[in-house]
Amino acid sequence: MTGKHTLMLIKPNAVKNGYAHEIFLMVHNNGFKILAQKKLQLSEREAQAFYRVHAGKPFFQGLVEFMTSGPIYAAVLEKENAVTEWRTLMGATDPAKAAEGTVRKKYAESVQHNAVHGSDSDENALNEIFFFFSAREIVNAGGDIYQLHDILKNEQ
């Protein structure tokens, strides 16, 4: 089953460099609906929790430091096959290997400072969305995302 929702994060380097508006325009121009968005700054604890799957890896502490170094934007995107479509638009993690016209080709500085984050699966998309947003913050999503939120809550 492929989902219609994914999480997008615009990372501190892209926000600092003034690229957030252009990234949101790319998202819109590629047929995504933005159902929710917010600007925030992650605490060290929040960044550690969000990236806990990478705990213990050599890059983990640097990732946490980077993600807490300035404000980010979090957004819920909607489109058929949202995870795959957003990952395609993001481009490869390494901007040198990213396809022309992708977000990372245009705005990333390096593998570590790659401008944006996107969920890697439908299941992770829902977990990541609800890390940053409550169901009431997500507008015009229809019933499906709310039902999935309830399912996830009941599984915990």
N, C-alpha and C. Protein backbone atom coordinates (compact mmCIF):
# COMPACT_ATOMS: atom_id res chain seq x y z
N MET A 1 0.85 -1.19 0.00
CA MET A 1 0.00 0.00 0.00
C MET A 1 0.88 1.24 0.00
N THR A 2 0.61 2.15 -0.89
CA THR A 2 1.36 3.41 -0.92
C THR A 2 0.47 4.52 -0.38
N GLY A 3 1.07 5.36 0.42
CA GLY A 3 0.33 6.40 1.10
C GLY A 3 0.32 7.72 0.38
N LYS A 4 -0.49 8.60 0.91
CA LYS A 4 -0.64 9.93 0.32
C LYS A 4 0.04 11.01 1.13
N HIS A 5 0.72 10.65 2.23
CA HIS A 5 1.29 11.67 3.11
C HIS A 5 2.74 11.36 3.43
N THR A 6 3.51 12.43 3.59
CA THR A 6 4.89 12.30 4.02
C THR A 6 5.29 13.54 4.80
N LEU A 7 6.40 13.42 5.50
CA LEU A 7 6.93 14.56 6.24
C LEU A 7 8.09 15.17 5.46
N MET A 8 8.13 16.47 5.43
CA MET A 8 9.27 17.20 4.88
C MET A 8 9.84 18.07 6.00
N LEU A 9 11.15 18.03 6.17
CA LEU A 9 11.84 18.98 7.02
C LEU A 9 12.77 19.81 6.15
N ILE A 10 12.73 21.11 6.32
CA ILE A 10 13.74 21.98 5.71
C ILE A 10 14.74 22.25 6.84
N LYS A 11 15.97 21.82 6.62
CA LYS A 11 16.98 21.79 7.66
C LYS A 11 17.59 23.17 7.91
N PRO A 12 18.30 23.30 9.05
CA PRO A 12 18.80 24.62 9.46
C PRO A 12 19.64 25.35 8.40
N ASN A 13 20.46 24.63 7.64
CA ASN A 13 21.29 25.32 6.65
C ASN A 13 20.44 25.95 5.55
N ALA A 14 19.42 25.25 5.11
CA ALA A 14 18.56 25.80 4.05
C ALA A 14 17.73 26.98 4.57
N VAL A 15 17.29 26.90 5.81
CA VAL A 15 16.55 28.02 6.41
C VAL A 15 17.49 29.22 6.54
N LYS A 16 18.68 29.00 7.10
CA LYS A 16 19.65 30.08 7.30
C LYS A 16 20.02 30.75 5.98
N ASN A 17 20.15 29.96 4.93
CA ASN A 17 20.55 30.49 3.63
C ASN A 17 19.40 31.08 2.83
N GLY A 18 18.20 31.09 3.40
CA GLY A 18 17.05 31.72 2.76
C GLY A 18 16.40 30.90 1.65
N TYR A 19 16.54 29.57 1.69
CA TYR A 19 16.01 28.72 0.63
C TYR A 19 14.63 28.15 0.92
N ALA A 20 14.09 28.38 2.10
CA ALA A 20 12.81 27.75 2.47
C ALA A 20 11.70 28.11 1.48
N HIS A 21 11.60 29.37 1.11
CA HIS A 21 10.54 29.78 0.18
C HIS A 21 10.66 29.05 -1.15
N GLU A 22 11.87 28.97 -1.69
CA GLU A 22 12.07 28.30 -2.96
C GLU A 22 11.75 26.81 -2.86
N ILE A 23 12.09 26.19 -1.73
CA ILE A 23 11.79 24.77 -1.54
C ILE A 23 10.28 24.56 -1.46
N PHE A 24 9.58 25.41 -0.72
CA PHE A 24 8.12 25.30 -0.68
C PHE A 24 7.51 25.49 -2.07
N LEU A 25 8.07 26.40 -2.86
CA LEU A 25 7.57 26.57 -4.23
C LEU A 25 7.81 25.33 -5.08
N MET A 26 8.97 24.71 -4.94
CA MET A 26 9.25 23.46 -5.67
C MET A 26 8.23 22.39 -5.28
N VAL A 27 7.95 22.29 -4.01
CA VAL A 27 6.97 21.31 -3.51
C VAL A 27 5.61 21.57 -4.16
N HIS A 28 5.17 22.80 -4.09
CA HIS A 28 3.87 23.17 -4.67
C HIS A 28 3.85 22.92 -6.18
N ASN A 29 4.89 23.35 -6.86
CA ASN A 29 4.94 23.22 -8.33
C ASN A 29 5.05 21.78 -8.80
N ASN A 30 5.37 20.87 -7.89
CA ASN A 30 5.43 19.45 -8.23
C ASN A 30 4.20 18.69 -7.76
N GLY A 31 3.12 19.42 -7.50
CA GLY A 31 1.83 18.80 -7.27
C GLY A 31 1.53 18.35 -5.86
N PHE A 32 2.35 18.74 -4.90
CA PHE A 32 2.07 18.40 -3.51
C PHE A 32 1.15 19.44 -2.90
N LYS A 33 0.26 18.99 -2.02
CA LYS A 33 -0.50 19.89 -1.16
C LYS A 33 0.22 19.95 0.17
N ILE A 34 0.31 21.13 0.74
CA ILE A 34 0.91 21.30 2.06
C ILE A 34 -0.24 21.38 3.05
N LEU A 35 -0.38 20.33 3.87
CA LEU A 35 -1.50 20.24 4.79
C LEU A 35 -1.23 20.89 6.13
N ALA A 36 0.04 21.01 6.47
CA ALA A 36 0.43 21.66 7.74
C ALA A 36 1.89 22.06 7.60
N GLN A 37 2.23 23.14 8.26
CA GLN A 37 3.64 23.55 8.30
C GLN A 37 3.86 24.38 9.54
N LYS A 38 5.09 24.31 10.02
CA LYS A 38 5.46 25.13 11.17
C LYS A 38 6.96 25.34 11.16
N LYS A 39 7.36 26.45 11.72
CA LYS A 39 8.77 26.75 11.92
C LYS A 39 9.07 26.54 13.40
N LEU A 40 10.15 25.84 13.68
CA LEU A 40 10.49 25.55 15.06
C LEU A 40 11.98 25.31 15.19
N GLN A 41 12.45 25.25 16.40
CA GLN A 41 13.83 24.88 16.66
C GLN A 41 13.83 23.68 17.58
N LEU A 42 14.48 22.61 17.13
CA LEU A 42 14.55 21.39 17.91
C LEU A 42 15.50 21.55 19.09
N SER A 43 15.12 21.00 20.23
CA SER A 43 16.04 20.88 21.35
C SER A 43 16.93 19.67 21.09
N GLU A 44 17.99 19.54 21.85
CA GLU A 44 18.86 18.38 21.70
C GLU A 44 18.08 17.09 21.97
N ARG A 45 17.26 17.11 22.97
CA ARG A 45 16.46 15.92 23.32
C ARG A 45 15.49 15.56 22.19
N GLU A 46 14.84 16.55 21.60
CA GLU A 46 13.92 16.28 20.49
C GLU A 46 14.66 15.71 19.28
N ALA A 47 15.80 16.30 18.96
CA ALA A 47 16.58 15.80 17.81
C ALA A 47 17.06 14.37 18.06
N GLN A 48 17.50 14.09 19.27
CA GLN A 48 17.92 12.73 19.61
C GLN A 48 16.76 11.76 19.48
N ALA A 49 15.58 12.17 19.91
CA ALA A 49 14.40 11.31 19.82
C ALA A 49 14.00 11.08 18.36
N PHE A 50 14.00 12.14 17.57
CA PHE A 50 13.58 12.02 16.18
C PHE A 50 14.53 11.12 15.40
N TYR A 51 15.83 11.26 15.63
CA TYR A 51 16.83 10.50 14.90
C TYR A 51 17.35 9.28 15.67
N ARG A 52 16.56 8.79 16.62
CA ARG A 52 16.98 7.67 17.47
C ARG A 52 17.39 6.43 16.67
N VAL A 53 16.86 6.24 15.47
CA VAL A 53 17.25 5.07 14.65
C VAL A 53 18.74 5.12 14.30
N HIS A 54 19.34 6.30 14.39
CA HIS A 54 20.77 6.45 14.07
C HIS A 54 21.65 6.49 15.31
N ALA A 55 21.05 6.36 16.50
CA ALA A 55 21.83 6.40 17.75
C ALA A 55 22.93 5.34 17.68
N GLY A 56 24.11 5.73 18.11
CA GLY A 56 25.23 4.80 18.11
C GLY A 56 26.06 4.81 16.83
N LYS A 57 25.54 5.43 15.78
CA LYS A 57 26.30 5.54 14.53
C LYS A 57 27.27 6.71 14.64
N PRO A 58 28.38 6.65 13.91
CA PRO A 58 29.41 7.70 14.05
C PRO A 58 28.92 9.11 13.77
N PHE A 59 27.91 9.25 12.93
CA PHE A 59 27.45 10.59 12.55
C PHE A 59 26.33 11.12 13.44
N PHE A 60 25.85 10.31 14.39
CA PHE A 60 24.66 10.68 15.18
C PHE A 60 24.83 12.01 15.90
N GLN A 61 25.89 12.18 16.67
CA GLN A 61 26.05 13.41 17.46
C GLN A 61 26.16 14.63 16.55
N GLY A 62 26.88 14.50 15.44
CA GLY A 62 26.97 15.61 14.49
C GLY A 62 25.62 15.96 13.89
N LEU A 63 24.80 14.94 13.62
CA LEU A 63 23.46 15.17 13.09
C LEU A 63 22.60 15.91 14.11
N VAL A 64 22.67 15.49 15.35
CA VAL A 64 21.90 16.16 16.41
C VAL A 64 22.36 17.62 16.55
N GLU A 65 23.66 17.84 16.56
CA GLU A 65 24.18 19.21 16.67
C GLU A 65 23.73 20.07 15.49
N PHE A 66 23.78 19.50 14.29
CA PHE A 66 23.35 20.23 13.10
C PHE A 66 21.86 20.56 13.17
N MET A 67 21.03 19.58 13.52
CA MET A 67 19.58 19.80 13.53
C MET A 67 19.12 20.73 14.64
N THR A 68 19.96 20.98 15.62
CA THR A 68 19.62 21.92 16.69
C THR A 68 20.33 23.26 16.52
N SER A 69 21.04 23.43 15.41
CA SER A 69 21.85 24.64 15.21
C SER A 69 21.05 25.86 14.77
N GLY A 70 19.79 25.68 14.43
CA GLY A 70 18.95 26.78 14.00
C GLY A 70 17.56 26.31 13.72
N PRO A 71 16.68 27.22 13.33
CA PRO A 71 15.29 26.84 13.06
C PRO A 71 15.18 25.93 11.84
N ILE A 72 14.11 25.15 11.84
CA ILE A 72 13.75 24.28 10.72
C ILE A 72 12.29 24.53 10.38
N TYR A 73 11.86 24.07 9.23
CA TYR A 73 10.44 23.99 8.89
C TYR A 73 10.07 22.53 8.84
N ALA A 74 8.93 22.19 9.41
CA ALA A 74 8.34 20.87 9.28
C ALA A 74 7.05 21.04 8.51
N ALA A 75 6.77 20.11 7.60
CA ALA A 75 5.55 20.21 6.80
C ALA A 75 5.02 18.82 6.48
N VAL A 76 3.70 18.72 6.44
CA VAL A 76 3.02 17.51 6.01
C VAL A 76 2.64 17.70 4.55
N LEU A 77 3.13 16.81 3.70
CA LEU A 77 2.85 16.89 2.27
C LEU A 77 1.86 15.80 1.88
N GLU A 78 1.00 16.12 0.92
CA GLU A 78 0.04 15.15 0.41
C GLU A 78 0.14 15.06 -1.10
N LYS A 79 0.16 13.83 -1.59
CA LYS A 79 0.17 13.53 -3.02
C LYS A 79 0.11 12.02 -3.14
N GLU A 80 -0.42 11.49 -4.21
CA GLU A 80 -0.36 10.05 -4.41
C GLU A 80 1.10 9.62 -4.39
N ASN A 81 1.37 8.50 -3.72
CA ASN A 81 2.74 7.98 -3.59
C ASN A 81 3.68 9.05 -3.02
N ALA A 82 3.23 9.71 -1.98
CA ALA A 82 3.92 10.88 -1.43
C ALA A 82 5.36 10.61 -1.05
N VAL A 83 5.63 9.48 -0.38
CA VAL A 83 6.99 9.20 0.08
C VAL A 83 7.92 9.11 -1.13
N THR A 84 7.54 8.30 -2.10
CA THR A 84 8.38 8.12 -3.29
C THR A 84 8.53 9.41 -4.08
N GLU A 85 7.43 10.12 -4.26
CA GLU A 85 7.46 11.36 -5.04
C GLU A 85 8.35 12.41 -4.36
N TRP A 86 8.24 12.54 -3.02
CA TRP A 86 9.06 13.53 -2.32
C TRP A 86 10.53 13.12 -2.35
N ARG A 87 10.81 11.83 -2.18
CA ARG A 87 12.20 11.38 -2.20
C ARG A 87 12.83 11.63 -3.58
N THR A 88 12.05 11.47 -4.63
CA THR A 88 12.54 11.76 -5.97
C THR A 88 12.84 13.24 -6.13
N LEU A 89 11.93 14.09 -5.66
CA LEU A 89 12.14 15.54 -5.76
C LEU A 89 13.30 16.00 -4.87
N MET A 90 13.49 15.34 -3.72
CA MET A 90 14.62 15.70 -2.85
C MET A 90 15.94 15.44 -3.56
N GLY A 91 16.08 14.30 -4.19
CA GLY A 91 17.34 13.91 -4.81
C GLY A 91 18.20 13.11 -3.86
N ALA A 92 19.30 12.62 -4.35
CA ALA A 92 20.22 11.80 -3.56
C ALA A 92 20.74 12.57 -2.36
N THR A 93 21.05 11.84 -1.29
CA THR A 93 21.58 12.45 -0.07
C THR A 93 22.85 13.26 -0.35
N ASP A 94 23.68 12.74 -1.22
CA ASP A 94 24.90 13.42 -1.62
C ASP A 94 24.55 14.37 -2.77
N PRO A 95 24.61 15.68 -2.54
CA PRO A 95 24.20 16.61 -3.60
C PRO A 95 25.03 16.47 -4.88
N ALA A 96 26.25 15.97 -4.77
CA ALA A 96 27.07 15.77 -5.96
C ALA A 96 26.51 14.66 -6.83
N LYS A 97 25.72 13.76 -6.23
CA LYS A 97 25.12 12.64 -6.97
C LYS A 97 23.64 12.87 -7.27
N ALA A 98 23.10 13.97 -6.79
CA ALA A 98 21.68 14.27 -6.98
C ALA A 98 21.41 14.71 -8.42
N ALA A 99 20.25 14.33 -8.91
CA ALA A 99 19.86 14.69 -10.27
C ALA A 99 19.63 16.20 -10.38
N GLU A 100 19.88 16.72 -11.56
CA GLU A 100 19.61 18.14 -11.82
C GLU A 100 18.15 18.44 -11.53
N GLY A 101 17.91 19.61 -10.98
CA GLY A 101 16.54 20.05 -10.70
C GLY A 101 15.98 19.57 -9.39
N THR A 102 16.73 18.74 -8.64
CA THR A 102 16.24 18.29 -7.34
C THR A 102 16.60 19.30 -6.26
N VAL A 103 15.90 19.19 -5.15
CA VAL A 103 16.13 20.12 -4.04
C VAL A 103 17.58 20.06 -3.56
N ARG A 104 18.08 18.86 -3.38
CA ARG A 104 19.44 18.74 -2.84
C ARG A 104 20.50 19.18 -3.84
N LYS A 105 20.26 18.98 -5.12
CA LYS A 105 21.22 19.46 -6.12
C LYS A 105 21.30 20.98 -6.06
N LYS A 106 20.15 21.62 -5.86
CA LYS A 106 20.11 23.08 -5.86
C LYS A 106 20.53 23.71 -4.53
N TYR A 107 20.18 23.07 -3.40
CA TYR A 107 20.29 23.77 -2.12
C TYR A 107 21.15 23.09 -1.06
N ALA A 108 21.56 21.85 -1.26
CA ALA A 108 22.36 21.17 -0.23
C ALA A 108 23.82 21.62 -0.31
N GLU A 109 24.47 21.57 0.83
CA GLU A 109 25.89 21.94 0.90
C GLU A 109 26.79 20.71 0.88
N SER A 110 26.30 19.61 1.46
CA SER A 110 27.10 18.39 1.59
C SER A 110 26.17 17.25 1.97
N VAL A 111 26.73 16.05 2.10
CA VAL A 111 25.95 14.90 2.55
C VAL A 111 25.37 15.19 3.94
N GLN A 112 26.17 15.77 4.81
CA GLN A 112 25.72 16.04 6.17
C GLN A 112 24.75 17.23 6.24
N HIS A 113 24.94 18.21 5.40
CA HIS A 113 24.09 19.41 5.39
C HIS A 113 23.30 19.41 4.08
N ASN A 114 22.35 18.46 3.99
CA ASN A 114 21.70 18.19 2.71
C ASN A 114 20.34 18.87 2.52
N ALA A 115 20.08 19.91 3.27
CA ALA A 115 18.97 20.85 3.06
C ALA A 115 17.59 20.36 3.50
N VAL A 116 17.25 19.09 3.24
CA VAL A 116 15.90 18.61 3.54
C VAL A 116 15.92 17.17 4.03
N HIS A 117 14.84 16.81 4.70
CA HIS A 117 14.60 15.44 5.15
C HIS A 117 13.28 14.98 4.56
N GLY A 118 13.20 13.70 4.28
CA GLY A 118 11.95 13.10 3.86
C GLY A 118 11.83 11.70 4.44
N SER A 119 10.62 11.31 4.75
CA SER A 119 10.37 9.99 5.29
C SER A 119 10.79 8.93 4.27
N ASP A 120 11.20 7.77 4.78
CA ASP A 120 11.68 6.71 3.88
C ASP A 120 10.68 5.58 3.66
N SER A 121 9.53 5.64 4.33
CA SER A 121 8.48 4.64 4.12
C SER A 121 7.15 5.24 4.57
N ASP A 122 6.07 4.62 4.15
CA ASP A 122 4.75 5.10 4.57
C ASP A 122 4.59 5.00 6.09
N GLU A 123 5.05 3.89 6.67
CA GLU A 123 4.95 3.72 8.12
C GLU A 123 5.75 4.80 8.85
N ASN A 124 6.99 5.02 8.41
CA ASN A 124 7.80 6.06 9.05
C ASN A 124 7.22 7.44 8.81
N ALA A 125 6.60 7.65 7.66
CA ALA A 125 5.98 8.95 7.39
C ALA A 125 4.95 9.29 8.46
N LEU A 126 4.09 8.34 8.77
CA LEU A 126 3.07 8.60 9.78
C LEU A 126 3.69 8.83 11.14
N ASN A 127 4.67 8.03 11.52
CA ASN A 127 5.34 8.24 12.81
C ASN A 127 6.01 9.61 12.85
N GLU A 128 6.67 9.99 11.77
CA GLU A 128 7.37 11.27 11.73
C GLU A 128 6.39 12.44 11.71
N ILE A 129 5.32 12.31 10.95
CA ILE A 129 4.30 13.37 10.92
C ILE A 129 3.79 13.64 12.33
N PHE A 130 3.46 12.56 13.05
CA PHE A 130 2.89 12.75 14.38
C PHE A 130 3.93 13.02 15.45
N PHE A 131 5.21 12.96 15.10
CA PHE A 131 6.25 13.47 15.99
C PHE A 131 6.15 15.00 16.04
N PHE A 132 5.84 15.61 14.90
CA PHE A 132 5.83 17.07 14.80
C PHE A 132 4.44 17.69 14.88
N PHE A 133 3.39 16.96 14.52
CA PHE A 133 2.06 17.54 14.41
C PHE A 133 1.02 16.69 15.14
N SER A 134 0.03 17.36 15.70
CA SER A 134 -1.14 16.65 16.19
C SER A 134 -2.13 16.55 15.04
N ALA A 135 -3.07 15.63 15.14
CA ALA A 135 -4.05 15.44 14.07
C ALA A 135 -4.83 16.72 13.80
N ARG A 136 -5.12 17.51 14.83
CA ARG A 136 -5.91 18.72 14.62
C ARG A 136 -5.16 19.82 13.88
N GLU A 137 -3.83 19.70 13.80
CA GLU A 137 -3.04 20.68 13.06
C GLU A 137 -3.00 20.41 11.56
N ILE A 138 -3.43 19.23 11.16
CA ILE A 138 -3.33 18.83 9.76
C ILE A 138 -4.68 19.07 9.10
N VAL A 139 -4.73 20.07 8.23
CA VAL A 139 -6.00 20.48 7.65
C VAL A 139 -6.20 19.86 6.26
N ASN A 140 -7.47 19.64 5.93
CA ASN A 140 -7.87 19.15 4.60
C ASN A 140 -7.25 17.82 4.22
N ALA A 141 -6.99 16.98 5.21
CA ALA A 141 -6.39 15.67 4.92
C ALA A 141 -7.44 14.60 4.72
N GLY A 142 -8.68 14.91 4.98
CA GLY A 142 -9.69 13.86 4.91
C GLY A 142 -9.55 12.95 6.11
N GLY A 143 -10.38 11.95 6.17
CA GLY A 143 -10.40 11.06 7.32
C GLY A 143 -9.22 10.13 7.43
N ASP A 144 -8.55 9.81 6.33
CA ASP A 144 -7.55 8.75 6.37
C ASP A 144 -6.41 9.01 7.33
N ILE A 145 -5.86 10.21 7.36
CA ILE A 145 -4.72 10.46 8.24
C ILE A 145 -5.14 10.44 9.70
N TYR A 146 -6.36 10.87 9.99
CA TYR A 146 -6.84 10.84 11.36
C TYR A 146 -7.06 9.40 11.82
N GLN A 147 -7.63 8.57 10.94
CA GLN A 147 -7.82 7.16 11.28
C GLN A 147 -6.48 6.48 11.51
N LEU A 148 -5.49 6.78 10.68
CA LEU A 148 -4.17 6.19 10.85
C LEU A 148 -3.54 6.65 12.16
N HIS A 149 -3.77 7.90 12.51
CA HIS A 149 -3.25 8.40 13.79
C HIS A 149 -3.84 7.59 14.94
N ASP A 150 -5.15 7.32 14.89
CA ASP A 150 -5.80 6.54 15.94
C ASP A 150 -5.25 5.11 15.99
N ILE A 151 -5.01 4.52 14.83
CA ILE A 151 -4.45 3.17 14.77
C ILE A 151 -3.07 3.16 15.42
N LEU A 152 -2.23 4.14 15.05
CA LEU A 152 -0.88 4.20 15.63
C LEU A 152 -0.93 4.39 17.14
N LYS A 153 -1.83 5.24 17.61
CA LYS A 153 -1.96 5.48 19.06
C LYS A 153 -2.34 4.19 19.77
N ASN A 154 -3.27 3.43 19.19
CA ASN A 154 -3.72 2.20 19.82
C ASN A 154 -2.66 1.10 19.81
N GLU A 155 -1.71 1.18 18.88
CA GLU A 155 -0.65 0.17 18.81
C GLU A 155 0.43 0.42 19.85
N GLN A 156 0.49 1.62 20.39
CA GLN A 156 1.56 1.94 21.34
C GLN A 156 1.23 1.49 22.74
